[in-house]
Amino acid sequence: MTILPEPVRFTSQEYERFLDNYPHVERALSDPFISEEGETIPLIKHVNEGVLIYLDLLSCEQEKELGAAALRELNKRLLSERNYHPKIHIAILGITLATMIAIGWRLFFLQDVREPPLATPTAIPTPVHTSAPPRPVPTLRPTFSPIPTAKPIPTFTPKPRSTPTVKATPKPLYISGVYVQDANKNFVPELDGKYLVKPLEVLTLEVQLEHSEHREFSIEYTPMYGTLQAPSRYIAPNKPGEFDLIVVKVSDAESGLLLAQESVKIKIIDSY
């Protein structure tokens, strides 16, 4: 089964507005893509959620017929969709961090402090003098109960508030270029956005990234027809005159979140 690249997504209303500006799009993309297994893949696919356009499967003739303005609009929309999912995860992380700070504030800094009740002093009894005839009875001395000393009222000193540390939002990661080299470390020639490669030629792929500081990521290469001898070493298929497509994906090393994606087009030729 053919591995499809990331498509350009439209809602029905967005696709109608796109056709109003570029009415020749459906005519230019009417011919489907034929895979090596003979599978027919339409370049424009209508689904329940809207319309999908597989931009990376276009031939050179279809790109020329599509026009520079429409092609630039599709590439811009595809790039914005690739950067949408990291922004959602960053927003969820920010909301979670704010909630945890609010809960910690209530638990440790807003405790209820109650003052102990004041002690009630004991009443002093009145002295009683007793006398009986015929002999005098000595006068009883009054007894006094000591007045209890009230306990000091504790004073509550509020703790200073700590300023929560907010992490800076990382910049989105981009693929600035994919470099293809032969066995002699020479750059492979390129024509009309496609690298010219001989059958069974061994190539080395290298990805140049932007905003990749302080990150750990993994790079995955997925060719449509060729094979991978190593993580970044590609062997072209033995099919002169045919095309191959290599999908390059850059993901976060810990979470596996897709950060960037690019497609490399290969054309198999007999000789340079």
Protein backbone atom coordinates (compact mmCIF):
# COMPACT_ATOMS: atom_id res chain seq x y z
CA MET A 1 0.00 0.00 0.00
CA THR A 2 1.32 3.44 -0.97
CA ILE A 3 2.31 5.78 1.88
CA LEU A 4 0.62 9.12 1.20
CA PRO A 5 2.25 12.46 2.15
CA GLU A 6 0.56 15.12 4.27
CA PRO A 7 -2.30 16.70 2.20
CA VAL A 8 -3.53 20.30 2.03
CA ARG A 9 -6.91 20.44 3.85
CA PHE A 10 -9.90 22.62 2.94
CA THR A 11 -13.41 22.92 4.28
CA SER A 12 -16.17 23.04 1.66
CA GLN A 13 -16.55 26.82 1.98
CA GLU A 14 -12.78 27.41 1.85
CA TYR A 15 -12.45 25.21 -1.24
CA GLU A 16 -15.23 27.13 -3.04
CA ARG A 17 -13.46 30.43 -2.32
CA PHE A 18 -10.18 28.90 -3.52
CA LEU A 19 -11.83 27.85 -6.81
CA ASP A 20 -13.26 31.35 -7.25
CA ASN A 21 -9.69 32.71 -7.25
CA TYR A 22 -8.17 29.81 -9.21
CA PRO A 23 -10.87 28.17 -11.36
CA HIS A 24 -8.33 26.13 -13.35
CA VAL A 25 -7.23 24.01 -10.33
CA GLU A 26 -9.52 21.01 -10.92
CA ARG A 27 -8.62 20.90 -14.62
CA ALA A 28 -4.88 21.06 -13.84
CA LEU A 29 -5.13 18.27 -11.21
CA SER A 30 -7.59 16.02 -13.06
CA ASP A 31 -4.97 13.35 -13.92
CA PRO A 32 -4.40 11.02 -10.90
CA PHE A 33 -1.07 9.77 -9.54
CA ILE A 34 -0.19 6.17 -10.52
CA SER A 35 1.99 4.29 -8.02
CA GLU A 36 4.44 1.50 -8.86
CA GLU A 37 1.90 -1.09 -7.69
CA GLY A 38 -0.62 0.33 -10.15
CA GLU A 39 -2.67 2.05 -7.47
CA THR A 40 -4.56 5.12 -8.71
CA ILE A 41 -4.45 8.02 -6.25
CA PRO A 42 -6.58 11.10 -7.08
CA LEU A 43 -4.81 14.39 -6.43
CA ILE A 44 -8.10 16.00 -5.26
CA LYS A 45 -10.14 13.94 -2.79
CA HIS A 46 -13.56 14.96 -1.43
CA VAL A 47 -14.24 13.73 2.14
CA ASN A 48 -16.94 14.43 4.73
CA GLU A 49 -14.88 17.13 6.43
CA GLY A 50 -14.03 18.91 3.16
CA VAL A 51 -11.42 18.52 0.41
CA LEU A 52 -7.85 17.10 0.42
CA ILE A 53 -5.18 18.03 -2.17
CA TYR A 54 -1.97 15.89 -2.31
CA LEU A 55 0.46 18.62 -3.32
CA ASP A 56 3.64 16.49 -3.05
CA LEU A 57 2.40 14.03 -5.72
CA LEU A 58 2.18 16.63 -8.50
CA SER A 59 4.31 16.21 -11.63
CA CYS A 60 6.33 19.05 -13.18
CA GLU A 61 3.74 19.52 -15.92
CA GLN A 62 0.91 19.73 -13.38
CA GLU A 63 2.83 22.30 -11.31
CA LYS A 64 3.37 24.46 -14.40
CA GLU A 65 -0.30 24.19 -15.39
CA LEU A 66 -1.37 24.99 -11.82
CA GLY A 67 0.54 28.28 -11.90
CA ALA A 68 2.89 30.00 -9.47
CA ALA A 69 0.15 31.90 -7.60
CA ALA A 70 -2.02 28.85 -6.83
CA LEU A 71 1.05 26.73 -6.01
CA ARG A 72 2.33 29.38 -3.59
CA GLU A 73 -1.11 29.55 -1.89
CA LEU A 74 -1.20 25.74 -1.43
CA ASN A 75 2.36 25.62 -0.03
CA LYS A 76 1.56 28.43 2.43
CA ARG A 77 -1.56 26.61 3.66
CA LEU A 78 0.32 23.29 4.04
CA LEU A 79 3.05 24.96 6.12
CA SER A 80 0.52 26.60 8.46
CA GLU A 81 -1.22 23.23 9.07
CA ARG A 82 2.10 21.57 9.99
CA ASN A 83 2.68 24.18 12.72
CA TYR A 84 -0.85 24.00 14.16
CA HIS A 85 -0.51 20.90 16.38
CA PRO A 86 2.57 22.05 18.38
CA LYS A 87 0.71 25.27 19.27
CA ILE A 88 -2.21 23.26 20.74
CA HIS A 89 0.15 21.27 23.00
CA ILE A 90 1.92 24.45 24.14
CA ALA A 91 -1.45 26.04 25.05
CA ILE A 92 -2.53 22.93 27.02
CA LEU A 93 0.80 22.94 28.88
CA GLY A 94 0.34 26.61 29.82
CA ILE A 95 -3.21 26.06 31.14
CA THR A 96 -2.06 23.04 33.22
CA LEU A 97 0.83 25.01 34.72
CA ALA A 98 -1.45 27.92 35.71
CA THR A 99 -3.95 25.52 37.37
CA MET A 100 -1.21 23.82 39.43
CA ILE A 101 0.11 27.21 40.63
CA ALA A 102 -3.41 28.30 41.73
CA ILE A 103 -3.98 25.05 43.70
CA GLY A 104 -0.58 25.33 45.41
CA TRP A 105 -1.34 28.93 46.39
CA ARG A 106 -4.57 27.95 48.18
CA LEU A 107 -2.93 25.01 50.00
CA PHE A 108 0.20 26.74 51.30
CA PHE A 109 -0.50 30.48 51.48
CA LEU A 110 -4.22 30.89 52.38
CA GLN A 111 -4.52 28.70 55.50
CA ASP A 112 -7.26 29.58 58.02
CA VAL A 113 -5.77 30.96 61.29
CA ARG A 114 -8.12 30.97 64.27
CA GLU A 115 -7.41 32.80 67.60
CA PRO A 116 -7.88 30.82 70.87
CA PRO A 117 -10.75 32.05 73.14
CA LEU A 118 -9.90 34.29 76.11
CA ALA A 119 -9.87 32.58 79.55
CA THR A 120 -12.79 33.46 81.91
CA PRO A 121 -11.53 34.66 85.34
CA THR A 122 -12.78 32.80 88.45
CA ALA A 123 -15.11 34.81 90.74
CA ILE A 124 -13.63 35.81 94.16
CA PRO A 125 -15.81 34.42 97.05
CA THR A 126 -17.05 36.81 99.76
CA PRO A 127 -15.50 36.16 103.23
CA VAL A 128 -17.93 34.81 105.92
CA HIS A 129 -17.60 35.68 109.68
CA THR A 130 -19.13 33.12 112.10
CA SER A 131 -19.78 33.63 115.82
CA ALA A 132 -21.53 31.38 118.37
CA PRO A 133 -22.29 32.02 122.11
CA PRO A 134 -21.16 31.48 124.85
CA ARG A 135 -17.56 31.43 123.50
CA PRO A 136 -16.34 33.42 120.56
CA VAL A 137 -15.52 31.64 117.35
CA PRO A 138 -12.42 32.83 115.55
CA THR A 139 -13.05 34.75 112.42
CA LEU A 140 -12.35 32.73 109.29
CA ARG A 141 -9.95 34.27 106.87
CA PRO A 142 -11.29 34.71 103.38
CA THR A 143 -9.80 32.53 100.70
CA PHE A 144 -8.91 34.01 97.36
CA SER A 145 -8.43 32.16 94.07
CA PRO A 146 -5.64 33.49 91.93
CA ILE A 147 -6.72 35.23 88.77
CA PRO A 148 -5.47 33.20 85.79
CA THR A 149 -3.16 34.97 83.44
CA ALA A 150 -4.48 35.16 79.89
CA LYS A 151 -2.30 33.50 77.27
CA PRO A 152 -0.72 35.80 74.72
CA ILE A 153 -2.53 36.01 71.42
CA PRO A 154 -0.33 34.62 68.62
CA THR A 155 0.34 36.95 65.75
CA PHE A 156 0.13 35.67 62.17
CA THR A 157 2.73 36.90 59.74
CA PRO A 158 1.79 36.15 56.12
CA LYS A 159 4.47 34.52 54.01
CA PRO A 160 5.81 36.53 51.09
CA ARG A 161 4.31 35.65 47.75
CA SER A 162 6.57 33.91 45.32
CA THR A 163 6.44 34.92 41.69
CA PRO A 164 5.71 31.86 39.51
CA THR A 165 8.27 31.13 36.84
CA VAL A 166 6.78 31.10 33.36
CA LYS A 167 8.69 29.18 30.73
CA ALA A 168 9.26 30.91 27.43
CA THR A 169 7.31 29.50 24.49
CA PRO A 170 9.73 27.67 22.16
CA LYS A 171 9.90 28.84 18.57
CA PRO A 172 8.35 26.48 15.98
CA LEU A 173 10.83 24.19 14.21
CA TYR A 174 11.26 24.40 10.43
CA ILE A 175 13.10 22.36 7.78
CA SER A 176 15.19 24.93 5.92
CA GLY A 177 16.58 22.41 3.43
CA VAL A 178 17.30 18.75 2.62
CA TYR A 179 20.74 18.07 1.08
CA VAL A 180 21.41 15.00 -1.10
CA GLN A 181 25.01 13.82 -1.62
CA ASP A 182 26.51 10.92 -3.58
CA ALA A 183 29.15 8.45 -2.36
CA ASN A 184 31.94 11.00 -3.04
CA LYS A 185 30.26 13.68 -0.87
CA ASN A 186 29.28 15.68 -3.96
CA PHE A 187 25.88 17.37 -4.13
CA VAL A 188 23.44 15.66 -6.50
CA PRO A 189 22.26 17.91 -9.39
CA GLU A 190 18.69 19.20 -9.25
CA LEU A 191 16.28 20.05 -12.11
CA ASP A 192 12.75 21.50 -11.67
CA GLY A 193 12.70 20.64 -7.97
CA LYS A 194 13.78 16.99 -8.53
CA TYR A 195 17.15 15.38 -7.84
CA LEU A 196 18.64 13.49 -10.82
CA VAL A 197 19.82 10.06 -9.63
CA LYS A 198 21.13 6.97 -11.43
CA PRO A 199 19.54 3.52 -10.84
CA LEU A 200 20.77 1.80 -7.63
CA GLU A 201 22.87 4.85 -6.71
CA VAL A 202 23.66 5.20 -2.99
CA LEU A 203 22.92 8.66 -1.57
CA THR A 204 23.33 10.37 1.80
CA LEU A 205 20.48 12.58 3.09
CA GLU A 206 21.08 15.51 5.43
CA VAL A 207 18.38 17.79 6.94
CA GLN A 208 19.01 21.45 7.86
CA LEU A 209 16.71 22.69 10.67
CA GLU A 210 15.75 26.14 12.01
CA HIS A 211 15.01 26.90 15.71
CA SER A 212 16.38 23.50 16.81
CA GLU A 213 18.35 24.76 19.84
CA HIS A 214 17.79 23.07 23.23
CA ARG A 215 15.74 20.27 21.64
CA GLU A 216 16.12 16.54 21.16
CA PHE A 217 14.43 15.21 18.06
CA SER A 218 14.44 12.23 15.69
CA ILE A 219 14.49 12.28 11.87
CA GLU A 220 12.68 9.58 9.85
CA TYR A 221 13.04 9.00 6.10
CA THR A 222 10.30 7.03 4.27
CA PRO A 223 10.92 6.37 0.54
CA MET A 224 8.03 5.31 -1.68
CA TYR A 225 10.01 2.90 -3.92
CA GLY A 226 13.68 3.04 -2.90
CA THR A 227 15.26 1.41 0.16
CA LEU A 228 17.15 2.65 3.24
CA GLN A 229 20.53 1.01 3.94
CA ALA A 230 21.05 3.13 7.07
CA PRO A 231 18.99 5.79 8.89
CA SER A 232 20.12 8.45 6.38
CA ARG A 233 21.48 6.36 3.45
CA TYR A 234 19.13 5.91 0.48
CA ILE A 235 19.42 3.45 -2.44
CA ALA A 236 17.56 4.49 -5.59
CA PRO A 237 15.31 1.91 -7.33
CA ASN A 238 16.40 0.30 -10.60
CA LYS A 239 13.69 2.00 -12.67
CA PRO A 240 15.09 4.48 -15.21
CA GLY A 241 12.64 7.20 -16.19
CA GLU A 242 10.49 6.77 -13.04
CA PHE A 243 10.02 9.08 -10.06
CA ASP A 244 10.47 8.40 -6.35
CA LEU A 245 9.28 10.37 -3.30
CA ILE A 246 11.04 10.47 0.10
CA VAL A 247 8.97 11.79 3.04
CA VAL A 248 11.16 13.40 5.76
CA LYS A 249 9.58 13.67 9.24
CA VAL A 250 11.13 15.42 12.28
CA SER A 251 9.57 14.42 15.65
CA ASP A 252 10.15 15.18 19.34
CA ALA A 253 12.43 12.51 20.83
CA GLU A 254 10.40 12.12 24.06
CA SER A 255 6.75 12.65 23.10
CA GLY A 256 6.92 11.60 19.44
CA LEU A 257 5.07 14.78 18.42
CA LEU A 258 5.52 15.65 14.74
CA LEU A 259 7.44 18.96 14.51
CA ALA A 260 8.10 19.32 10.77
CA GLN A 261 7.69 17.40 7.49
CA GLU A 262 9.16 17.76 4.01
CA SER A 263 9.11 15.74 0.75
CA VAL A 264 12.12 15.09 -1.51
CA LYS A 265 11.42 14.28 -5.17
CA ILE A 266 13.79 11.92 -7.02
CA LYS A 267 13.99 11.28 -10.79
CA ILE A 268 15.77 8.12 -12.00
CA ILE A 269 17.88 8.78 -15.14
CA ASP A 270 20.29 6.67 -17.24
CA SER A 271 23.14 9.21 -17.03
CA TYR A 272 23.80 12.88 -16.22
